[in-house]
Amino acid sequence: MPALICGSLAFDTIMNFPGRFAQQILPEQLHILNVSFLVPDLRREFGGCAGNIAYSLHQLGGVPLPMATVGSDGAGYAARLQSMGISTEFIRELAQSYTAQAMIMTDQDNNQITAFHPGAMGWAHETRIEPRADIKLAIISPDGRDAMQQHAEQLHAGGIPFVFDPGQGLPMFNGDELARFVNMATWVTVNDYEGRMLAERMGVSIAEISKRVEGLVVTLGGEGCEVWIDGRKTLVDPVKANQVVDPTGCGDAFRGALLFGLERGWSLERCCELGNRVGAHKIATPGCQNYTLDHLRPA
């Protein structure tokens, strides 16, 4: 069955800084911050959470339906998805805007600084989700604020179970709004930093949040991930990467595997085991959509 992937399509400008951010930023001078980083390596890649998750799911043999809005410069992105066999049925092009753009700088410790221009994402809420017999699963990933809220409401009203993946969109919402997302969702996935922020804004613990959904996943990068079910935590062991080249998009690659397993009725632990393998494979490849997963496709 197809999985509806609500989120962004974006162009990523990826830069590598050969030093450490911590050595360039003086904490006592943050109020007058004026810093420049020399980035000898720069490239432009296809990205955005919906695009990255769809790519991962497709590589594993799933059927993604990305729902996103692109600007006047987005036709090439849509054509690329079509060439891979990924549906563009729910991708809408707006002539009055640019496609979302992310400028991502990574230091030698894999810390990242990102600047993001939302562009056409600001109109993503104008695309409605209507119940459809073949769509049994969805994910709400970072998108325009109104789109995330309205698409969650529409999925909930249509009885379509979904993963709430707030990602970098989490700071846009207050505690009550985040609680509303959680209460409508079937599953929640966050990284460890987002998990702490989610719990703080909602005023409850991660364990308590997990009691409101069927399961909550907290990814820990190279330390694996936590699976929380009804207040109880299980650690899913990490998979060691052959090499660390580019962490950008690893979380989205993991989420593609999560959707793949959920659609097949797997346990969350098994979904996360596959997600850890996919993430470890992706991190060895530059860019978000340049890896292949034929060797990881379950039989």
C-alpha atoms as a PDB file:
ATOM      1  CA  MET A   1       0.000   0.000   0.000  1.00  0.00           C
ATOM      2  CA  PRO A   2       1.248   3.540  -0.685  1.00  0.00           C
ATOM      3  CA  ALA A   3       2.409   5.756   2.170  1.00  0.00           C
ATOM      4  CA  LEU A   4       1.492   9.454   2.030  1.00  0.00           C
ATOM      5  CA  ILE A   5       4.504  11.610   2.898  1.00  0.00           C
ATOM      6  CA  CYS A   6       3.572  15.166   3.852  1.00  0.00           C
ATOM      7  CA  GLY A   7       6.541  17.516   3.977  1.00  0.00           C
ATOM      8  CA  SER A   8       8.914  19.578   1.902  1.00  0.00           C
ATOM      9  CA  LEU A   9      10.780  19.257  -1.343  1.00  0.00           C
ATOM     10  CA  ALA A  10      13.867  21.442  -1.208  1.00  0.00           C
ATOM     11  CA  PHE A  11      17.196  22.117  -2.837  1.00  0.00           C
ATOM     12  CA  ASP A  12      20.084  21.636  -0.413  1.00  0.00           C
ATOM     13  CA  THR A  13      23.270  23.642  -0.707  1.00  0.00           C
ATOM     14  CA  ILE A  14      25.707  21.547   1.314  1.00  0.00           C
ATOM     15  CA  MET A  15      28.983  22.973   2.573  1.00  0.00           C
ATOM     16  CA  ASN A  16      31.775  21.294   4.546  1.00  0.00           C
ATOM     17  CA  PHE A  17      33.748  23.335   7.067  1.00  0.00           C
ATOM     18  CA  PRO A  18      37.093  21.623   7.767  1.00  0.00           C
ATOM     19  CA  GLY A  19      37.315  22.970  11.339  1.00  0.00           C
ATOM     20  CA  ARG A  20      35.114  22.991  14.430  1.00  0.00           C
ATOM     21  CA  PHE A  21      32.339  25.518  15.002  1.00  0.00           C
ATOM     22  CA  ALA A  22      33.184  25.549  18.718  1.00  0.00           C
ATOM     23  CA  GLN A  23      36.652  26.913  17.947  1.00  0.00           C
ATOM     24  CA  GLN A  24      35.224  29.828  15.947  1.00  0.00           C
ATOM     25  CA  ILE A  25      32.364  30.940  18.186  1.00  0.00           C
ATOM     26  CA  LEU A  26      33.131  32.666  21.488  1.00  0.00           C
ATOM     27  CA  PRO A  27      30.268  31.981  23.926  1.00  0.00           C
ATOM     28  CA  GLU A  28      30.817  35.231  25.828  1.00  0.00           C
ATOM     29  CA  GLN A  29      30.504  37.202  22.560  1.00  0.00           C
ATOM     30  CA  LEU A  30      27.264  35.705  21.256  1.00  0.00           C
ATOM     31  CA  HIS A  31      25.464  39.026  21.730  1.00  0.00           C
ATOM     32  CA  ILE A  32      27.719  40.579  19.050  1.00  0.00           C
ATOM     33  CA  LEU A  33      28.203  37.487  16.882  1.00  0.00           C
ATOM     34  CA  ASN A  34      29.987  38.210  13.605  1.00  0.00           C
ATOM     35  CA  VAL A  35      31.579  35.080  12.230  1.00  0.00           C
ATOM     36  CA  SER A  36      32.510  33.713   8.815  1.00  0.00           C
ATOM     37  CA  PHE A  37      33.352  30.124   7.890  1.00  0.00           C
ATOM     38  CA  LEU A  38      35.540  29.231   4.914  1.00  0.00           C
ATOM     39  CA  VAL A  39      33.887  26.300   3.086  1.00  0.00           C
ATOM     40  CA  PRO A  40      36.101  24.892   0.328  1.00  0.00           C
ATOM     41  CA  ASP A  41      33.556  22.169  -0.570  1.00  0.00           C
ATOM     42  CA  LEU A  42      30.090  23.077  -1.842  1.00  0.00           C
ATOM     43  CA  ARG A  43      27.486  21.183  -3.831  1.00  0.00           C
ATOM     44  CA  ARG A  44      23.771  21.407  -4.601  1.00  0.00           C
ATOM     45  CA  GLU A  45      21.579  18.384  -3.949  1.00  0.00           C
ATOM     46  CA  PHE A  46      17.937  17.337  -4.047  1.00  0.00           C
ATOM     47  CA  GLY A  47      16.505  17.339  -0.520  1.00  0.00           C
ATOM     48  CA  GLY A  48      13.571  18.251   1.667  1.00  0.00           C
ATOM     49  CA  CYS A  49      12.064  15.827   4.164  1.00  0.00           C
ATOM     50  CA  ALA A  50       9.285  14.541   1.897  1.00  0.00           C
ATOM     51  CA  GLY A  51      11.680  13.980  -0.981  1.00  0.00           C
ATOM     52  CA  ASN A  52      14.299  12.286   1.190  1.00  0.00           C
ATOM     53  CA  ILE A  53      11.824  10.005   2.969  1.00  0.00           C
ATOM     54  CA  ALA A  54      10.170   9.107  -0.337  1.00  0.00           C
ATOM     55  CA  TYR A  55      13.561   8.273  -1.840  1.00  0.00           C
ATOM     56  CA  SER A  56      14.457   5.954   1.059  1.00  0.00           C
ATOM     57  CA  LEU A  57      11.087   4.203   1.024  1.00  0.00           C
ATOM     58  CA  HIS A  58      11.265   3.755  -2.751  1.00  0.00           C
ATOM     59  CA  GLN A  59      14.801   2.327  -2.513  1.00  0.00           C
ATOM     60  CA  LEU A  60      13.511  -0.298  -0.075  1.00  0.00           C
ATOM     61  CA  GLY A  61      10.716  -1.299  -2.427  1.00  0.00           C
ATOM     62  CA  GLY A  62       7.887   0.692  -0.871  1.00  0.00           C
ATOM     63  CA  VAL A  63       5.408   2.972  -2.620  1.00  0.00           C
ATOM     64  CA  PRO A  64       5.779   6.609  -1.537  1.00  0.00           C
ATOM     65  CA  LEU A  65       3.303   9.376  -2.320  1.00  0.00           C
ATOM     66  CA  PRO A  66       5.118  12.633  -1.509  1.00  0.00           C
ATOM     67  CA  MET A  67       2.789  15.594  -0.882  1.00  0.00           C
ATOM     68  CA  ALA A  68       4.662  18.872  -1.270  1.00  0.00           C
ATOM     69  CA  THR A  69       4.655  22.253  -2.968  1.00  0.00           C
ATOM     70  CA  VAL A  70       7.479  23.486  -5.212  1.00  0.00           C
ATOM     71  CA  GLY A  71       8.167  26.820  -6.839  1.00  0.00           C
ATOM     72  CA  SER A  72       8.836  27.961 -10.379  1.00  0.00           C
ATOM     73  CA  ASP A  73      12.260  26.283 -10.243  1.00  0.00           C
ATOM     74  CA  GLY A  74      10.894  22.909  -9.128  1.00  0.00           C
ATOM     75  CA  ALA A  75       9.949  21.253 -12.416  1.00  0.00           C
ATOM     76  CA  GLY A  76      13.303  19.482 -12.625  1.00  0.00           C
ATOM     77  CA  TYR A  77      12.839  18.002  -9.166  1.00  0.00           C
ATOM     78  CA  ALA A  78       9.413  16.642 -10.044  1.00  0.00           C
ATOM     79  CA  ALA A  79      10.756  15.220 -13.315  1.00  0.00           C
ATOM     80  CA  ARG A  80      13.546  13.459 -11.424  1.00  0.00           C
ATOM     81  CA  LEU A  81      11.056  11.798  -9.082  1.00  0.00           C
ATOM     82  CA  GLN A  82       8.976  10.671 -12.036  1.00  0.00           C
ATOM     83  CA  SER A  83      12.061   9.217 -13.746  1.00  0.00           C
ATOM     84  CA  MET A  84      12.654   7.037 -10.673  1.00  0.00           C
ATOM     85  CA  GLY A  85       9.062   5.844 -10.632  1.00  0.00           C
ATOM     86  CA  ILE A  86       7.948   7.971  -7.664  1.00  0.00           C
ATOM     87  CA  SER A  87       4.483   9.465  -8.055  1.00  0.00           C
ATOM     88  CA  THR A  88       4.173  13.260  -8.320  1.00  0.00           C
ATOM     89  CA  GLU A  89       0.385  13.171  -8.060  1.00  0.00           C
ATOM     90  CA  PHE A  90       0.412  15.302  -4.911  1.00  0.00           C
ATOM     91  CA  ILE A  91       3.224  17.688  -5.873  1.00  0.00           C
ATOM     92  CA  ARG A  92       1.976  21.157  -6.786  1.00  0.00           C
ATOM     93  CA  GLU A  93       3.995  23.842  -8.582  1.00  0.00           C
ATOM     94  CA  LEU A  94       3.588  27.554  -7.776  1.00  0.00           C
ATOM     95  CA  ALA A  95       4.792  30.131 -10.264  1.00  0.00           C
ATOM     96  CA  GLN A  96       5.012  32.961  -7.712  1.00  0.00           C
ATOM     97  CA  SER A  97       7.644  31.408  -5.445  1.00  0.00           C
ATOM     98  CA  TYR A  98      10.923  29.538  -5.297  1.00  0.00           C
ATOM     99  CA  THR A  99      11.219  25.965  -4.123  1.00  0.00           C
ATOM    100  CA  ALA A 100      12.347  25.711  -0.501  1.00  0.00           C
ATOM    101  CA  GLN A 101      16.105  26.091  -0.091  1.00  0.00           C
ATOM    102  CA  ALA A 102      18.335  24.770   2.705  1.00  0.00           C
ATOM    103  CA  MET A 103      21.904  25.974   3.208  1.00  0.00           C
ATOM    104  CA  ILE A 104      23.632  23.359   5.383  1.00  0.00           C
ATOM    105  CA  MET A 105      27.146  23.687   6.778  1.00  0.00           C
ATOM    106  CA  THR A 106      28.783  20.718   8.541  1.00  0.00           C
ATOM    107  CA  ASP A 107      31.966  20.839  10.620  1.00  0.00           C
ATOM    108  CA  GLN A 108      34.472  18.028  11.139  1.00  0.00           C
ATOM    109  CA  ASP A 109      32.547  16.770  14.199  1.00  0.00           C
ATOM    110  CA  ASN A 110      29.333  16.484  12.127  1.00  0.00           C
ATOM    111  CA  ASN A 111      27.752  19.460  13.896  1.00  0.00           C
ATOM    112  CA  GLN A 112      25.530  21.397  11.507  1.00  0.00           C
ATOM    113  CA  ILE A 113      24.353  24.977  11.020  1.00  0.00           C
ATOM    114  CA  THR A 114      21.401  25.358   8.656  1.00  0.00           C
ATOM    115  CA  ALA A 115      19.661  28.344   7.108  1.00  0.00           C
ATOM    116  CA  PHE A 116      16.301  27.550   5.529  1.00  0.00           C
ATOM    117  CA  HIS A 117      14.131  29.545   3.112  1.00  0.00           C
ATOM    118  CA  PRO A 118      10.635  27.972   3.077  1.00  0.00           C
ATOM    119  CA  GLY A 119       9.544  29.386  -0.276  1.00  0.00           C
ATOM    120  CA  ALA A 120       6.612  27.449  -1.748  1.00  0.00           C
ATOM    121  CA  MET A 121       6.125  25.565   1.536  1.00  0.00           C
ATOM    122  CA  GLY A 122       4.123  28.582   2.697  1.00  0.00           C
ATOM    123  CA  TRP A 123       1.265  27.445   0.447  1.00  0.00           C
ATOM    124  CA  ALA A 124       1.434  23.713   1.189  1.00  0.00           C
ATOM    125  CA  HIS A 125      -1.718  23.861   3.318  1.00  0.00           C
ATOM    126  CA  GLU A 126      -3.772  24.626   0.209  1.00  0.00           C
ATOM    127  CA  THR A 127      -3.412  20.964  -0.822  1.00  0.00           C
ATOM    128  CA  ARG A 128      -6.028  18.953   1.083  1.00  0.00           C
ATOM    129  CA  ILE A 129      -5.829  15.319   2.106  1.00  0.00           C
ATOM    130  CA  GLU A 130      -8.889  13.344   1.152  1.00  0.00           C
ATOM    131  CA  PRO A 131      -9.392   9.756   2.386  1.00  0.00           C
ATOM    132  CA  ARG A 132      -8.535   7.170  -0.249  1.00  0.00           C
ATOM    133  CA  ALA A 133      -8.943   3.417  -0.023  1.00  0.00           C
ATOM    134  CA  ASP A 134      -5.354   2.585  -0.945  1.00  0.00           C
ATOM    135  CA  ILE A 135      -3.712   4.997   1.543  1.00  0.00           C
ATOM    136  CA  LYS A 136      -3.420   3.271   4.920  1.00  0.00           C
ATOM    137  CA  LEU A 137      -0.431   5.120   6.382  1.00  0.00           C
ATOM    138  CA  ALA A 138       1.089   8.609   6.382  1.00  0.00           C
ATOM    139  CA  ILE A 139       3.756  10.783   7.959  1.00  0.00           C
ATOM    140  CA  ILE A 140       3.659  14.460   8.915  1.00  0.00           C
ATOM    141  CA  SER A 141       7.221  15.693   8.484  1.00  0.00           C
ATOM    142  CA  PRO A 142       8.489  19.309   8.584  1.00  0.00           C
ATOM    143  CA  ASP A 143       6.498  21.558   6.259  1.00  0.00           C
ATOM    144  CA  GLY A 144       4.721  24.904   6.441  1.00  0.00           C
ATOM    145  CA  ARG A 145       3.176  25.516   9.864  1.00  0.00           C
ATOM    146  CA  ASP A 146      -0.416  25.604   8.578  1.00  0.00           C
ATOM    147  CA  ALA A 147       0.179  22.563   6.388  1.00  0.00           C
ATOM    148  CA  MET A 148       1.468  20.462   9.270  1.00  0.00           C
ATOM    149  CA  GLN A 149      -1.526  21.344  11.430  1.00  0.00           C
ATOM    150  CA  GLN A 150      -4.190  21.012   8.763  1.00  0.00           C
ATOM    151  CA  HIS A 151      -2.790  17.824   7.235  1.00  0.00           C
ATOM    152  CA  ALA A 152      -2.631  16.213  10.685  1.00  0.00           C
ATOM    153  CA  GLU A 153      -6.262  17.191  11.275  1.00  0.00           C
ATOM    154  CA  GLN A 154      -7.286  15.817   7.876  1.00  0.00           C
ATOM    155  CA  LEU A 155      -5.471  12.520   8.407  1.00  0.00           C
ATOM    156  CA  HIS A 156      -7.042  12.152  11.846  1.00  0.00           C
ATOM    157  CA  ALA A 157     -10.518  12.960  10.513  1.00  0.00           C
ATOM    158  CA  GLY A 158     -10.032  10.468   7.674  1.00  0.00           C
ATOM    159  CA  GLY A 159      -8.979   7.673  10.031  1.00  0.00           C
ATOM    160  CA  ILE A 160      -5.523   7.359   8.451  1.00  0.00           C
ATOM    161  CA  PRO A 161      -2.843   6.429  11.023  1.00  0.00           C
ATOM    162  CA  PHE A 162       0.212   8.638  10.807  1.00  0.00           C
ATOM    163  CA  VAL A 163       3.686   9.240  12.183  1.00  0.00           C
ATOM    164  CA  PHE A 164       4.262  12.677  13.701  1.00  0.00           C
ATOM    165  CA  ASP A 165       7.820  13.713  12.768  1.00  0.00           C
ATOM    166  CA  PRO A 166       8.150  17.381  13.820  1.00  0.00           C
ATOM    167  CA  GLY A 167      11.899  17.645  13.110  1.00  0.00           C
ATOM    168  CA  GLN A 168      13.173  21.153  12.614  1.00  0.00           C
ATOM    169  CA  GLY A 169       9.561  22.356  12.506  1.00  0.00           C
ATOM    170  CA  LEU A 170       9.089  21.625  16.204  1.00  0.00           C
ATOM    171  CA  PRO A 171      10.022  25.138  17.455  1.00  0.00           C
ATOM    172  CA  MET A 172       7.084  26.612  15.495  1.00  0.00           C
ATOM    173  CA  PHE A 173       4.578  25.085  17.922  1.00  0.00           C
ATOM    174  CA  ASN A 174       3.751  25.644  21.582  1.00  0.00           C
ATOM    175  CA  GLY A 175       3.045  22.915  24.096  1.00  0.00           C
ATOM    176  CA  ASP A 176      -0.708  22.781  23.511  1.00  0.00           C
ATOM    177  CA  GLU A 177      -0.252  22.557  19.750  1.00  0.00           C
ATOM    178  CA  LEU A 178       2.328  19.796  20.090  1.00  0.00           C
ATOM    179  CA  ALA A 179       0.019  17.902  22.459  1.00  0.00           C
ATOM    180  CA  ARG A 180      -2.706  18.114  19.809  1.00  0.00           C
ATOM    181  CA  PHE A 181      -0.367  16.570  17.207  1.00  0.00           C
ATOM    182  CA  VAL A 182       0.618  13.770  19.593  1.00  0.00           C
ATOM    183  CA  ASN A 183      -2.969  13.027  20.537  1.00  0.00           C
ATOM    184  CA  MET A 184      -3.932  12.657  16.868  1.00  0.00           C
ATOM    185  CA  ALA A 185      -0.867  10.649  15.842  1.00  0.00           C
ATOM    186  CA  THR A 186      -0.382   6.897  16.005  1.00  0.00           C
ATOM    187  CA  TRP A 187       3.418   7.084  16.297  1.00  0.00           C
ATOM    188  CA  VAL A 188       5.954   9.835  17.048  1.00  0.00           C
ATOM    189  CA  THR A 189       9.576   9.977  15.916  1.00  0.00           C
ATOM    190  CA  VAL A 190      12.175  12.531  17.029  1.00  0.00           C
ATOM    191  CA  ASN A 191      15.915  12.726  17.541  1.00  0.00           C
ATOM    192  CA  ASP A 192      17.251  13.066  21.084  1.00  0.00           C
ATOM    193  CA  TYR A 193      17.406  16.881  20.992  1.00  0.00           C
ATOM    194  CA  GLU A 194      13.901  17.162  19.558  1.00  0.00           C
ATOM    195  CA  GLY A 195      12.674  14.649  22.114  1.00  0.00           C
ATOM    196  CA  ARG A 196      13.901  16.803  24.977  1.00  0.00           C
ATOM    197  CA  MET A 197      12.323  19.899  23.432  1.00  0.00           C
ATOM    198  CA  LEU A 198       9.029  18.097  22.795  1.00  0.00           C
ATOM    199  CA  ALA A 199       8.848  16.874  26.398  1.00  0.00           C
ATOM    200  CA  GLU A 200       9.794  20.289  27.789  1.00  0.00           C
ATOM    201  CA  ARG A 201       7.206  22.179  25.760  1.00  0.00           C
ATOM    202  CA  MET A 202       4.466  19.683  26.571  1.00  0.00           C
ATOM    203  CA  GLY A 203       5.481  19.668  30.232  1.00  0.00           C
ATOM    204  CA  VAL A 204       5.610  15.864  30.443  1.00  0.00           C
ATOM    205  CA  SER A 205       8.249  13.137  30.182  1.00  0.00           C
ATOM    206  CA  ILE A 206       9.132  11.107  27.101  1.00  0.00           C
ATOM    207  CA  ALA A 207       7.678   8.095  28.905  1.00  0.00           C
ATOM    208  CA  GLU A 208       4.358   9.906  29.367  1.00  0.00           C
ATOM    209  CA  ILE A 209       4.254  10.971  25.711  1.00  0.00           C
ATOM    210  CA  SER A 210       4.749   7.345  24.685  1.00  0.00           C
ATOM    211  CA  LYS A 211       1.610   6.386  26.609  1.00  0.00           C
ATOM    212  CA  ARG A 212      -0.475   8.609  24.319  1.00  0.00           C
ATOM    213  CA  VAL A 213       0.563   6.800  21.097  1.00  0.00           C
ATOM    214  CA  GLU A 214       1.241   3.258  19.968  1.00  0.00           C
ATOM    215  CA  GLY A 215       4.964   3.936  19.975  1.00  0.00           C
ATOM    216  CA  LEU A 216       7.604   6.660  20.155  1.00  0.00           C
ATOM    217  CA  VAL A 217      11.049   6.455  18.541  1.00  0.00           C
ATOM    218  CA  VAL A 218      13.987   8.588  19.689  1.00  0.00           C
ATOM    219  CA  THR A 219      16.988   8.356  17.354  1.00  0.00           C
ATOM    220  CA  LEU A 220      20.437   8.733  18.917  1.00  0.00           C
ATOM    221  CA  GLY A 221      22.680   9.030  15.872  1.00  0.00           C
ATOM    222  CA  GLY A 222      25.619   6.675  16.182  1.00  0.00           C
ATOM    223  CA  GLU A 223      24.239   5.322  19.480  1.00  0.00           C
ATOM    224  CA  GLY A 224      21.223   3.624  17.901  1.00  0.00           C
ATOM    225  CA  CYS A 225      17.713   4.554  18.976  1.00  0.00           C
ATOM    226  CA  GLU A 226      15.175   4.198  21.757  1.00  0.00           C
ATOM    227  CA  VAL A 227      11.773   2.617  21.253  1.00  0.00           C
ATOM    228  CA  TRP A 228       9.232   3.723  23.850  1.00  0.00           C
ATOM    229  CA  ILE A 229       5.955   1.805  24.188  1.00  0.00           C
ATOM    230  CA  ASP A 230       3.520   2.535  27.012  1.00  0.00           C
ATOM    231  CA  GLY A 231       6.221   4.197  29.111  1.00  0.00           C
ATOM    232  CA  ARG A 232       8.803   1.427  28.696  1.00  0.00           C
ATOM    233  CA  LYS A 233      12.059   1.934  26.822  1.00  0.00           C
ATOM    234  CA  THR A 234      13.940  -0.530  24.604  1.00  0.00           C
ATOM    235  CA  LEU A 235      17.333   0.351  23.131  1.00  0.00           C
ATOM    236  CA  VAL A 236      17.877  -0.742  19.534  1.00  0.00           C
ATOM    237  CA  ASP A 237      21.596  -1.189  18.925  1.00  0.00           C
ATOM    238  CA  PRO A 238      23.376   1.016  16.387  1.00  0.00           C
ATOM    239  CA  VAL A 239      24.938  -0.176  13.152  1.00  0.00           C
ATOM    240  CA  LYS A 240      28.503   0.956  12.619  1.00  0.00           C
ATOM    241  CA  ALA A 241      29.014   2.885   9.384  1.00  0.00           C
ATOM    242  CA  ASN A 242      31.868   1.893   7.092  1.00  0.00           C
ATOM    243  CA  GLN A 243      32.759   5.565   6.874  1.00  0.00           C
ATOM    244  CA  VAL A 244      31.233   8.900   7.851  1.00  0.00           C
ATOM    245  CA  VAL A 245      30.938  11.172   4.813  1.00  0.00           C
ATOM    246  CA  ASP A 246      27.761  13.240   5.200  1.00  0.00           C
ATOM    247  CA  PRO A 247      25.120  13.027   7.976  1.00  0.00           C
ATOM    248  CA  THR A 248      22.646  15.201   6.063  1.00  0.00           C
ATOM    249  CA  GLY A 249      19.444  13.255   5.418  1.00  0.00           C
ATOM    250  CA  CYS A 250      20.263  10.276   7.655  1.00  0.00           C
ATOM    251  CA  GLY A 251      17.182  10.913   9.790  1.00  0.00           C
ATOM    252  CA  ASP A 252      14.965  10.989   6.710  1.00  0.00           C
ATOM    253  CA  ALA A 253      16.531   7.776   5.403  1.00  0.00           C
ATOM    254  CA  PHE A 254      15.711   6.178   8.773  1.00  0.00           C
ATOM    255  CA  ARG A 255      12.104   7.379   8.512  1.00  0.00           C
ATOM    256  CA  GLY A 256      11.709   5.824   5.081  1.00  0.00           C
ATOM    257  CA  ALA A 257      12.652   2.485   6.647  1.00  0.00           C
ATOM    258  CA  LEU A 258      10.265   3.147   9.537  1.00  0.00           C
ATOM    259  CA  LEU A 259       7.369   3.625   7.108  1.00  0.00           C
ATOM    260  CA  PHE A 260       8.409   0.542   5.152  1.00  0.00           C
ATOM    261  CA  GLY A 261       8.194  -1.617   8.260  1.00  0.00           C
ATOM    262  CA  LEU A 262       5.033  -0.059   9.671  1.00  0.00           C
ATOM    263  CA  GLU A 263       3.194  -0.619   6.384  1.00  0.00           C
ATOM    264  CA  ARG A 264       4.104  -4.297   6.669  1.00  0.00           C
ATOM    265  CA  GLY A 265       2.965  -4.606  10.258  1.00  0.00           C
ATOM    266  CA  TRP A 266       6.441  -5.022  11.771  1.00  0.00           C
ATOM    267  CA  SER A 267       7.205  -4.299  15.407  1.00  0.00           C
ATOM    268  CA  LEU A 268       8.760  -0.891  16.080  1.00  0.00           C
ATOM    269  CA  GLU A 269      11.991  -2.598  17.135  1.00  0.00           C
ATOM    270  CA  ARG A 270      12.269  -4.387  13.793  1.00  0.00           C
ATOM    271  CA  CYS A 271      11.452  -1.159  11.923  1.00  0.00           C
ATOM    272  CA  CYS A 272      14.236   0.612  13.809  1.00  0.00           C
ATOM    273  CA  GLU A 273      16.740  -2.166  13.189  1.00  0.00           C
ATOM    274  CA  LEU A 274      16.221  -1.629   9.473  1.00  0.00           C
ATOM    275  CA  GLY A 275      16.301   2.141   9.981  1.00  0.00           C
ATOM    276  CA  ASN A 276      19.672   1.932  11.705  1.00  0.00           C
ATOM    277  CA  ARG A 277      21.085  -0.130   8.833  1.00  0.00           C
ATOM    278  CA  VAL A 278      19.747   2.342   6.267  1.00  0.00           C
ATOM    279  CA  GLY A 279      21.095   5.341   8.202  1.00  0.00           C
ATOM    280  CA  ALA A 280      24.545   3.757   8.552  1.00  0.00           C
ATOM    281  CA  HIS A 281      24.602   3.112   4.807  1.00  0.00           C
ATOM    282  CA  LYS A 282      23.402   6.609   3.889  1.00  0.00           C
ATOM    283  CA  ILE A 283      25.975   8.424   6.049  1.00  0.00           C
ATOM    284  CA  ALA A 284      28.733   6.968   3.881  1.00  0.00           C
ATOM    285  CA  THR A 285      27.281   8.720   0.811  1.00  0.00           C
ATOM    286  CA  PRO A 286      27.305  12.481   0.106  1.00  0.00           C
ATOM    287  CA  GLY A 287      23.907  14.127  -0.355  1.00  0.00           C
ATOM    288  CA  CYS A 288      20.465  12.937   0.673  1.00  0.00           C
ATOM    289  CA  GLN A 289      19.402  10.970  -2.382  1.00  0.00           C
ATOM    290  CA  ASN A 290      22.498   9.387  -3.919  1.00  0.00           C
ATOM    291  CA  TYR A 291      22.620   5.980  -2.228  1.00  0.00           C
ATOM    292  CA  THR A 292      21.126   2.625  -3.213  1.00  0.00           C
ATOM    293  CA  LEU A 293      19.578   0.030  -0.902  1.00  0.00           C
ATOM    294  CA  ASP A 294      19.167  -3.049  -3.082  1.00  0.00           C
ATOM    295  CA  HIS A 295      21.234  -5.095  -0.619  1.00  0.00           C
ATOM    296  CA  LEU A 296      18.979  -4.055   2.292  1.00  0.00           C
ATOM    297  CA  ARG A 297      15.630  -4.816   0.668  1.00  0.00           C
ATOM    298  CA  PRO A 298      13.854  -7.419   2.786  1.00  0.00           C
ATOM    299  CA  ALA A 299      12.970 -10.569   0.888  1.00  0.00           C
END
